[in-house]
PDB file of N, CA and C in Angstrom:
ATOM      1  N   MET A   1      -0.056  -1.059  -0.361  1.00  0.00           N
ATOM      2  CA  MET A   1      -0.368  -0.436  -0.212  1.00  0.00           C
ATOM      3  C   MET A   1       1.260   1.017   0.326  1.00  0.00           C
ATOM      4  N   ALA A   2       0.328   2.494  -0.701  1.00  0.00           N
ATOM      5  CA  ALA A   2       1.358   3.557  -0.798  1.00  0.00           C
ATOM      6  C   ALA A   2       0.679   4.174   0.099  1.00  0.00           C
ATOM      7  N   PRO A   3       2.367   5.361   0.827  1.00  0.00           N
ATOM      8  CA  PRO A   3       2.385   5.959   1.304  1.00  0.00           C
ATOM      9  C   PRO A   3       1.053   7.144   1.191  1.00  0.00           C
ATOM     10  N   ARG A   4       0.012   7.714   2.292  1.00  0.00           N
ATOM     11  CA  ARG A   4      -0.789   8.651   1.778  1.00  0.00           C
ATOM     12  C   ARG A   4      -0.593  10.490   1.894  1.00  0.00           C
ATOM     13  N   LYS A   5      -0.372  10.899   0.992  1.00  0.00           N
ATOM     14  CA  LYS A   5      -0.108  12.287   1.442  1.00  0.00           C
ATOM     15  C   LYS A   5      -0.887  13.372   1.415  1.00  0.00           C
ATOM     16  N   THR A   6      -0.972  14.320   2.750  1.00  0.00           N
ATOM     17  CA  THR A   6      -1.680  15.152   2.613  1.00  0.00           C
ATOM     18  C   THR A   6      -1.610  16.546   2.423  1.00  0.00           C
ATOM     19  N   ARG A   7      -1.921  17.294   1.637  1.00  0.00           N
ATOM     20  CA  ARG A   7      -1.889  18.752   1.482  1.00  0.00           C
ATOM     21  C   ARG A   7      -2.317  19.837   1.727  1.00  0.00           C
ATOM     22  N   VAL A   8      -1.822  20.806   3.211  1.00  0.00           N
ATOM     23  CA  VAL A   8      -2.508  21.182   4.374  1.00  0.00           C
ATOM     24  C   VAL A   8      -2.459  22.902   3.287  1.00  0.00           C
ATOM     25  N   THR A   9      -3.122  23.816   2.648  1.00  0.00           N
ATOM     26  CA  THR A   9      -2.937  25.179   2.479  1.00  0.00           C
ATOM     27  C   THR A   9      -3.175  25.992   3.954  1.00  0.00           C
ATOM     28  N   ILE A  10      -2.956  27.160   4.043  1.00  0.00           N
ATOM     29  CA  ILE A  10      -3.150  27.620   4.624  1.00  0.00           C
ATOM     30  C   ILE A  10      -2.631  29.217   3.975  1.00  0.00           C
ATOM     31  N   GLU A  11      -4.380  29.606   3.795  1.00  0.00           N
ATOM     32  CA  GLU A  11      -4.425  31.265   3.161  1.00  0.00           C
ATOM     33  C   GLU A  11      -4.037  32.928   4.598  1.00  0.00           C
ATOM     34  N   THR A  12      -3.100  33.645   4.740  1.00  0.00           N
ATOM     35  CA  THR A  12      -3.518  34.148   5.499  1.00  0.00           C
ATOM     36  C   THR A  12      -3.871  36.585   4.242  1.00  0.00           C
ATOM     37  N   GLU A  13      -4.001  36.805   4.630  1.00  0.00           N
ATOM     38  CA  GLU A  13      -4.439  37.816   4.704  1.00  0.00           C
ATOM     39  C   GLU A  13      -3.110  39.781   5.649  1.00  0.00           C
ATOM     40  N   ARG A  14      -3.027  39.841   4.760  1.00  0.00           N
ATOM     41  CA  ARG A  14      -2.460  41.436   5.572  1.00  0.00           C
ATOM     42  C   ARG A  14      -3.667  42.357   4.515  1.00  0.00           C
ATOM     43  N   ILE A  15      -3.856  43.432   5.541  1.00  0.00           N
ATOM     44  CA  ILE A  15      -3.835  44.507   4.791  1.00  0.00           C
ATOM     45  C   ILE A  15      -3.426  45.417   6.137  1.00  0.00           C
ATOM     46  N   TRP A  16      -2.409  46.667   5.279  1.00  0.00           N
ATOM     47  CA  TRP A  16      -1.221  47.782   5.223  1.00  0.00           C
ATOM     48  C   TRP A  16      -2.534  48.927   5.522  1.00  0.00           C
ATOM     49  N   VAL A  17      -2.591  49.434   6.051  1.00  0.00           N
ATOM     50  CA  VAL A  17      -2.617  51.477   6.423  1.00  0.00           C
ATOM     51  C   VAL A  17      -1.606  52.153   5.968  1.00  0.00           C
ATOM     52  N   LEU A  18      -1.853  52.217   4.943  1.00  0.00           N
ATOM     53  CA  LEU A  18      -1.255  53.186   4.177  1.00  0.00           C
ATOM     54  C   LEU A  18      -1.552  54.818   4.393  1.00  0.00           C
ATOM     55  N   GLU A  19      -1.273  54.984   6.283  1.00  0.00           N
ATOM     56  CA  GLU A  19      -1.755  56.515   6.232  1.00  0.00           C
ATOM     57  C   GLU A  19      -1.700  57.339   8.151  1.00  0.00           C
ATOM     58  N   LYS A  20      -0.448  57.610   8.088  1.00  0.00           N
ATOM     59  CA  LYS A  20      -0.145  58.328   9.115  1.00  0.00           C
ATOM     60  C   LYS A  20      -0.298  59.229   9.645  1.00  0.00           C
ATOM     61  N   PRO A  21      -1.453  59.443  11.149  1.00  0.00           N
ATOM     62  CA  PRO A  21      -2.077  60.552  11.143  1.00  0.00           C
ATOM     63  C   PRO A  21      -1.951  61.542  11.513  1.00  0.00           C
ATOM     64  N   SER A  22      -0.353  61.931  11.048  1.00  0.00           N
ATOM     65  CA  SER A  22       0.229  62.862  10.375  1.00  0.00           C
ATOM     66  C   SER A  22       0.495  62.730   9.391  1.00  0.00           C
ATOM     67  N   GLY A  23      -0.322  62.789   8.335  1.00  0.00           N
ATOM     68  CA  GLY A  23       0.994  62.308   7.131  1.00  0.00           C
ATOM     69  C   GLY A  23      -0.386  63.290   5.951  1.00  0.00           C
ATOM     70  N   LYS A  24       0.518  63.131   5.349  1.00  0.00           N
ATOM     71  CA  LYS A  24       0.045  63.953   4.068  1.00  0.00           C
ATOM     72  C   LYS A  24      -0.748  63.650   3.054  1.00  0.00           C
ATOM     73  N   LYS A  25      -2.204  64.670   2.476  1.00  0.00           N
ATOM     74  CA  LYS A  25      -2.844  64.277   1.874  1.00  0.00           C
ATOM     75  C   LYS A  25      -2.943  64.820   0.406  1.00  0.00           C
ATOM     76  N   VAL A  26      -3.156  64.454  -0.861  1.00  0.00           N
ATOM     77  CA  VAL A  26      -2.431  65.415  -2.003  1.00  0.00           C
ATOM     78  C   VAL A  26      -3.496  64.952  -3.161  1.00  0.00           C
ATOM     79  N   TRP A  27      -3.433  66.082  -4.218  1.00  0.00           N
ATOM     80  CA  TRP A  27      -4.874  65.790  -4.918  1.00  0.00           C
ATOM     81  C   TRP A  27      -4.130  64.885  -5.960  1.00  0.00           C
ATOM     82  N   CYS A  28      -3.466  63.934  -6.221  1.00  0.00           N
ATOM     83  CA  CYS A  28      -3.564  62.648  -7.748  1.00  0.00           C
ATOM     84  C   CYS A  28      -4.850  63.615  -8.558  1.00  0.00           C
ATOM     85  N   PRO A  29      -3.708  63.740  -9.450  1.00  0.00           N
ATOM     86  CA  PRO A  29      -4.044  63.696 -11.116  1.00  0.00           C
ATOM     87  C   PRO A  29      -4.836  62.522 -11.225  1.00  0.00           C
ATOM     88  N   THR A  30      -4.405  61.804 -11.409  1.00  0.00           N
ATOM     89  CA  THR A  30      -4.322  60.856 -12.393  1.00  0.00           C
ATOM     90  C   THR A  30      -5.300  59.743 -11.268  1.00  0.00           C
ATOM     91  N   CYS A  31      -5.905  59.913  -9.877  1.00  0.00           N
ATOM     92  CA  CYS A  31      -6.754  59.538  -9.455  1.00  0.00           C
ATOM     93  C   CYS A  31      -7.401  60.231  -9.513  1.00  0.00           C
ATOM     94  N   ARG A  32      -7.569  61.784  -9.606  1.00  0.00           N
ATOM     95  CA  ARG A  32      -8.893  62.602  -9.314  1.00  0.00           C
ATOM     96  C   ARG A  32      -9.496  63.125  -8.477  1.00  0.00           C
ATOM     97  N   ARG A  33      -8.782  62.171  -6.984  1.00  0.00           N
ATOM     98  CA  ARG A  33      -9.111  63.116  -5.706  1.00  0.00           C
ATOM     99  C   ARG A  33      -8.099  63.191  -4.467  1.00  0.00           C
ATOM    100  N   ARG A  34      -8.609  63.216  -4.163  1.00  0.00           N
ATOM    101  CA  ARG A  34      -7.051  64.052  -2.865  1.00  0.00           C
ATOM    102  C   ARG A  34      -6.785  61.876  -1.984  1.00  0.00           C
ATOM    103  N   VAL A  35      -5.765  62.521  -2.144  1.00  0.00           N
ATOM    104  CA  VAL A  35      -5.723  60.831  -1.685  1.00  0.00           C
ATOM    105  C   VAL A  35      -4.133  60.995  -1.220  1.00  0.00           C
ATOM    106  N   SER A  36      -4.163  59.864   0.544  1.00  0.00           N
ATOM    107  CA  SER A  36      -2.509  59.406   0.932  1.00  0.00           C
ATOM    108  C   SER A  36      -1.759  59.607   0.411  1.00  0.00           C
ATOM    109  N   ALA A  37      -0.384  60.294   0.934  1.00  0.00           N
ATOM    110  CA  ALA A  37       1.036  60.828   0.196  1.00  0.00           C
ATOM    111  C   ALA A  37       2.622  59.901   0.490  1.00  0.00           C
ATOM    112  N   LEU A  38       3.043  58.871   0.464  1.00  0.00           N
ATOM    113  CA  LEU A  38       4.306  59.060   1.064  1.00  0.00           C
ATOM    114  C   LEU A  38       5.892  60.208  -0.083  1.00  0.00           C
ATOM    115  N   THR A  39       6.855  59.687   0.429  1.00  0.00           N
ATOM    116  CA  THR A  39       7.834  59.646  -0.191  1.00  0.00           C
ATOM    117  C   THR A  39       8.245  58.779  -0.214  1.00  0.00           C
ATOM    118  N   PRO A  40       9.853  58.822  -1.175  1.00  0.00           N
ATOM    119  CA  PRO A  40       9.793  57.824  -2.407  1.00  0.00           C
ATOM    120  C   PRO A  40      10.308  57.188  -1.058  1.00  0.00           C
ATOM    121  N   GLU A  41      10.984  58.127   0.356  1.00  0.00           N
ATOM    122  CA  GLU A  41      11.911  57.012   1.797  1.00  0.00           C
ATOM    123  C   GLU A  41      10.702  55.883   1.781  1.00  0.00           C
ATOM    124  N   GLU A  42       9.878  56.746   1.961  1.00  0.00           N
ATOM    125  CA  GLU A  42       8.477  56.325   3.188  1.00  0.00           C
ATOM    126  C   GLU A  42       7.816  54.638   1.902  1.00  0.00           C
ATOM    127  N   VAL A  43       8.284  54.817   0.674  1.00  0.00           N
ATOM    128  CA  VAL A  43       7.787  53.838   0.004  1.00  0.00           C
ATOM    129  C   VAL A  43       8.858  52.539  -0.362  1.00  0.00           C
ATOM    130  N   ALA A  44      10.655  53.661   0.273  1.00  0.00           N
ATOM    131  CA  ALA A  44      11.147  52.143  -0.120  1.00  0.00           C
ATOM    132  C   ALA A  44      10.938  51.084   1.064  1.00  0.00           C
ATOM    133  N   ALA A  45      10.986  52.067   2.362  1.00  0.00           N
ATOM    134  CA  ALA A  45      11.285  51.253   3.459  1.00  0.00           C
ATOM    135  C   ALA A  45       9.896  50.273   3.830  1.00  0.00           C
ATOM    136  N   LEU A  46       9.339  50.994   3.002  1.00  0.00           N
ATOM    137  CA  LEU A  46       8.016  50.141   3.032  1.00  0.00           C
ATOM    138  C   LEU A  46       7.733  48.985   2.538  1.00  0.00           C
ATOM    139  N   LEU A  47       8.608  48.460   1.065  1.00  0.00           N
ATOM    140  CA  LEU A  47       8.934  47.581   0.648  1.00  0.00           C
ATOM    141  C   LEU A  47       8.966  46.195   0.825  1.00  0.00           C
ATOM    142  N   SER A  48      10.733  46.993   0.968  1.00  0.00           N
ATOM    143  CA  SER A  48      11.876  46.814   1.798  1.00  0.00           C
ATOM    144  C   SER A  48      10.567  44.945   2.605  1.00  0.00           C
ATOM    145  N   VAL A  49      10.145  45.470   3.048  1.00  0.00           N
ATOM    146  CA  VAL A  49       9.498  44.843   4.256  1.00  0.00           C
ATOM    147  C   VAL A  49       8.403  43.995   3.694  1.00  0.00           C
ATOM    148  N   ALA A  50       7.221  44.591   3.386  1.00  0.00           N
ATOM    149  CA  ALA A  50       5.888  44.940   1.996  1.00  0.00           C
ATOM    150  C   ALA A  50       5.491  43.978   1.515  1.00  0.00           C
ATOM    151  N   ALA A  51       7.271  44.306   0.223  1.00  0.00           N
ATOM    152  CA  ALA A  51       7.236  43.423  -1.887  1.00  0.00           C
ATOM    153  C   ALA A  51       6.525  42.000  -1.286  1.00  0.00           C
ATOM    154  N   HIS A  52       5.799  41.836  -2.151  1.00  0.00           N
ATOM    155  CA  HIS A  52       5.834  40.807  -2.349  1.00  0.00           C
ATOM    156  C   HIS A  52       6.521  40.106  -3.547  1.00  0.00           C
ATOM    157  N   PRO A  53       8.227  39.261  -3.565  1.00  0.00           N
ATOM    158  CA  PRO A  53       9.473  38.524  -4.843  1.00  0.00           C
ATOM    159  C   PRO A  53       7.890  38.448  -6.359  1.00  0.00           C
ATOM    160  N   SER A  54       7.123  38.021  -5.846  1.00  0.00           N
ATOM    161  CA  SER A  54       6.022  37.877  -7.368  1.00  0.00           C
ATOM    162  C   SER A  54       5.464  38.655  -7.781  1.00  0.00           C
ATOM    163  N   CYS A  55       5.503  39.840  -7.473  1.00  0.00           N
ATOM    164  CA  CYS A  55       4.988  40.764  -7.863  1.00  0.00           C
ATOM    165  C   CYS A  55       5.642  41.367  -7.604  1.00  0.00           C
ATOM    166  N   PRO A  56       6.622  42.210  -8.289  1.00  0.00           N
ATOM    167  CA  PRO A  56       7.782  43.486  -8.769  1.00  0.00           C
ATOM    168  C   PRO A  56       7.295  45.450  -8.510  1.00  0.00           C
ATOM    169  N   ILE A  57       6.331  45.685  -8.237  1.00  0.00           N
ATOM    170  CA  ILE A  57       6.041  46.943  -8.865  1.00  0.00           C
ATOM    171  C   ILE A  57       7.008  47.967  -9.690  1.00  0.00           C
ATOM    172  N   LYS A  58       6.103  47.868 -10.780  1.00  0.00           N
ATOM    173  CA  LYS A  58       6.315  48.464 -11.614  1.00  0.00           C
ATOM    174  C   LYS A  58       6.420  50.762 -11.561  1.00  0.00           C
ATOM    175  N   THR A  59       7.293  50.478 -11.368  1.00  0.00           N
ATOM    176  CA  THR A  59       7.836  52.729 -10.523  1.00  0.00           C
ATOM    177  C   THR A  59       7.244  52.917 -11.978  1.00  0.00           C
ATOM    178  N   GLU A  60       6.488  53.191 -12.740  1.00  0.00           N
ATOM    179  CA  GLU A  60       6.498  53.764 -14.189  1.00  0.00           C
ATOM    180  C   GLU A  60       5.072  53.140 -14.152  1.00  0.00           C
ATOM    181  N   LYS A  61       3.890  53.242 -13.231  1.00  0.00           N
ATOM    182  CA  LYS A  61       2.643  53.019 -12.853  1.00  0.00           C
ATOM    183  C   LYS A  61       3.043  53.268 -11.531  1.00  0.00           C
ATOM    184  N   LEU A  62       3.008  53.640 -10.923  1.00  0.00           N
ATOM    185  CA  LEU A  62       3.192  54.780  -9.832  1.00  0.00           C
ATOM    186  C   LEU A  62       3.079  56.046 -10.034  1.00  0.00           C
ATOM    187  N   HIS A  63       1.688  56.940  -9.443  1.00  0.00           N
ATOM    188  CA  HIS A  63       1.612  58.540  -9.487  1.00  0.00           C
ATOM    189  C   HIS A  63       2.651  59.360  -8.493  1.00  0.00           C
ATOM    190  N   PHE A  64       3.435  59.984  -9.583  1.00  0.00           N
ATOM    191  CA  PHE A  64       4.749  61.064  -8.172  1.00  0.00           C
ATOM    192  C   PHE A  64       3.406  62.188  -8.453  1.00  0.00           C
ATOM    193  N   VAL A  65       3.299  63.108  -7.953  1.00  0.00           N
ATOM    194  CA  VAL A  65       2.174  63.996  -6.912  1.00  0.00           C
ATOM    195  C   VAL A  65       3.833  65.185  -6.833  1.00  0.00           C
ATOM    196  N   GLY A  66       3.971  67.030  -7.655  1.00  0.00           N
ATOM    197  CA  GLY A  66       4.837  67.409  -6.731  1.00  0.00           C
ATOM    198  C   GLY A  66       4.147  68.246  -6.024  1.00  0.00           C
ATOM    199  N   THR A  67       3.708  69.100  -4.836  1.00  0.00           N
ATOM    200  CA  THR A  67       3.908  69.049  -3.833  1.00  0.00           C
ATOM    201  C   THR A  67       4.243  70.791  -4.036  1.00  0.00           C
ATOM    202  N   SER A  68       3.396  72.077  -3.611  1.00  0.00           N
ATOM    203  CA  SER A  68       3.916  73.266  -3.952  1.00  0.00           C
ATOM    204  C   SER A  68       5.445  74.102  -3.069  1.00  0.00           C
ATOM    205  N   ASN A  69       5.726  72.678  -1.812  1.00  0.00           N
ATOM    206  CA  ASN A  69       6.545  73.479  -1.449  1.00  0.00           C
ATOM    207  C   ASN A  69       8.210  72.703  -2.156  1.00  0.00           C
ATOM    208  N   GLY A  70       7.565  71.838  -3.353  1.00  0.00           N
ATOM    209  CA  GLY A  70       8.872  71.325  -4.197  1.00  0.00           C
ATOM    210  C   GLY A  70       9.652  70.044  -3.611  1.00  0.00           C
ATOM    211  N   GLU A  71       8.546  69.171  -2.628  1.00  0.00           N
ATOM    212  CA  GLU A  71       9.275  67.973  -2.562  1.00  0.00           C
ATOM    213  C   GLU A  71       7.935  66.809  -3.167  1.00  0.00           C
ATOM    214  N   MET A  72       8.654  65.168  -3.487  1.00  0.00           N
ATOM    215  CA  MET A  72       7.985  64.399  -4.780  1.00  0.00           C
ATOM    216  C   MET A  72       8.250  63.612  -3.645  1.00  0.00           C
ATOM    217  N   VAL A  73       6.155  63.521  -3.818  1.00  0.00           N
ATOM    218  CA  VAL A  73       5.396  63.005  -3.271  1.00  0.00           C
ATOM    219  C   VAL A  73       4.695  60.887  -4.710  1.00  0.00           C
ATOM    220  N   VAL A  74       4.394  59.906  -3.572  1.00  0.00           N
ATOM    221  CA  VAL A  74       3.667  59.287  -4.322  1.00  0.00           C
ATOM    222  C   VAL A  74       2.518  58.689  -3.707  1.00  0.00           C
ATOM    223  N   CYS A  75       1.571  58.754  -4.586  1.00  0.00           N
ATOM    224  CA  CYS A  75      -0.199  58.291  -4.823  1.00  0.00           C
ATOM    225  C   CYS A  75       0.295  56.977  -3.938  1.00  0.00           C
ATOM    226  N   ALA A  76      -1.226  57.033  -2.453  1.00  0.00           N
ATOM    227  CA  ALA A  76      -0.303  55.814  -1.578  1.00  0.00           C
ATOM    228  C   ALA A  76      -1.642  55.096  -3.200  1.00  0.00           C
ATOM    229  N   ASP A  77      -2.246  55.046  -3.947  1.00  0.00           N
ATOM    230  CA  ASP A  77      -3.385  54.997  -3.849  1.00  0.00           C
ATOM    231  C   ASP A  77      -2.963  53.609  -4.863  1.00  0.00           C
ATOM    232  N   SER A  78      -2.003  54.918  -5.458  1.00  0.00           N
ATOM    233  CA  SER A  78      -1.037  53.134  -7.006  1.00  0.00           C
ATOM    234  C   SER A  78      -0.490  52.715  -6.651  1.00  0.00           C
ATOM    235  N   LEU A  79       0.698  53.291  -5.260  1.00  0.00           N
ATOM    236  CA  LEU A  79       1.134  51.391  -5.418  1.00  0.00           C
ATOM    237  C   LEU A  79       0.165  50.331  -4.768  1.00  0.00           C
ATOM    238  N   VAL A  80      -1.104  50.860  -3.926  1.00  0.00           N
ATOM    239  CA  VAL A  80      -1.816  49.552  -3.155  1.00  0.00           C
ATOM    240  C   VAL A  80      -2.377  49.346  -3.923  1.00  0.00           C
ATOM    241  N   SER A  81      -2.650  49.784  -5.568  1.00  0.00           N
ATOM    242  CA  SER A  81      -3.318  49.285  -6.690  1.00  0.00           C
ATOM    243  C   SER A  81      -2.330  48.399  -7.666  1.00  0.00           C
ATOM    244  N   GLN A  82      -1.329  48.284  -7.586  1.00  0.00           N
ATOM    245  CA  GLN A  82      -0.263  47.161  -7.671  1.00  0.00           C
ATOM    246  C   GLN A  82      -0.211  45.554  -6.887  1.00  0.00           C
ATOM    247  N   ASN A  83      -0.884  46.052  -6.237  1.00  0.00           N
ATOM    248  CA  ASN A  83      -1.099  44.579  -5.289  1.00  0.00           C
ATOM    249  C   ASN A  83       1.027  43.824  -5.084  1.00  0.00           C
ATOM    250  N   ALA A  84       1.418  45.562  -5.273  1.00  0.00           N
ATOM    251  CA  ALA A  84       3.135  44.327  -4.434  1.00  0.00           C
ATOM    252  C   ALA A  84       2.948  44.470  -3.104  1.00  0.00           C
ATOM    253  N   ILE A  85       1.923  44.453  -2.115  1.00  0.00           N
ATOM    254  CA  ILE A  85       1.725  44.870  -0.744  1.00  0.00           C
ATOM    255  C   ILE A  85       1.281  43.656  -0.425  1.00  0.00           C
ATOM    256  N   GLN A  86       2.028  42.425   0.119  1.00  0.00           N
ATOM    257  CA  GLN A  86       1.282  41.100   0.686  1.00  0.00           C
ATOM    258  C   GLN A  86       1.266  42.111   1.859  1.00  0.00           C
TER     259      GLN A  86
END
């Protein structure tokens, strides 16, 4: 008699909240609404711990927004929409 094999699959889901209490909100012209904004450094830090290796981030799909003080920020919705954060 052949040995029996059992496969167990466990699915988990994480929810990442990309908004800080003191977080910036900016108008994203691509999304056409106010969105949470992340600095490029915050995006890099987040992706270093939360990025899914099978879903690399496509920077050309990120929405970069210039602020009135000359800072460049990233639309958080454009990051989440790529399903890169797991």
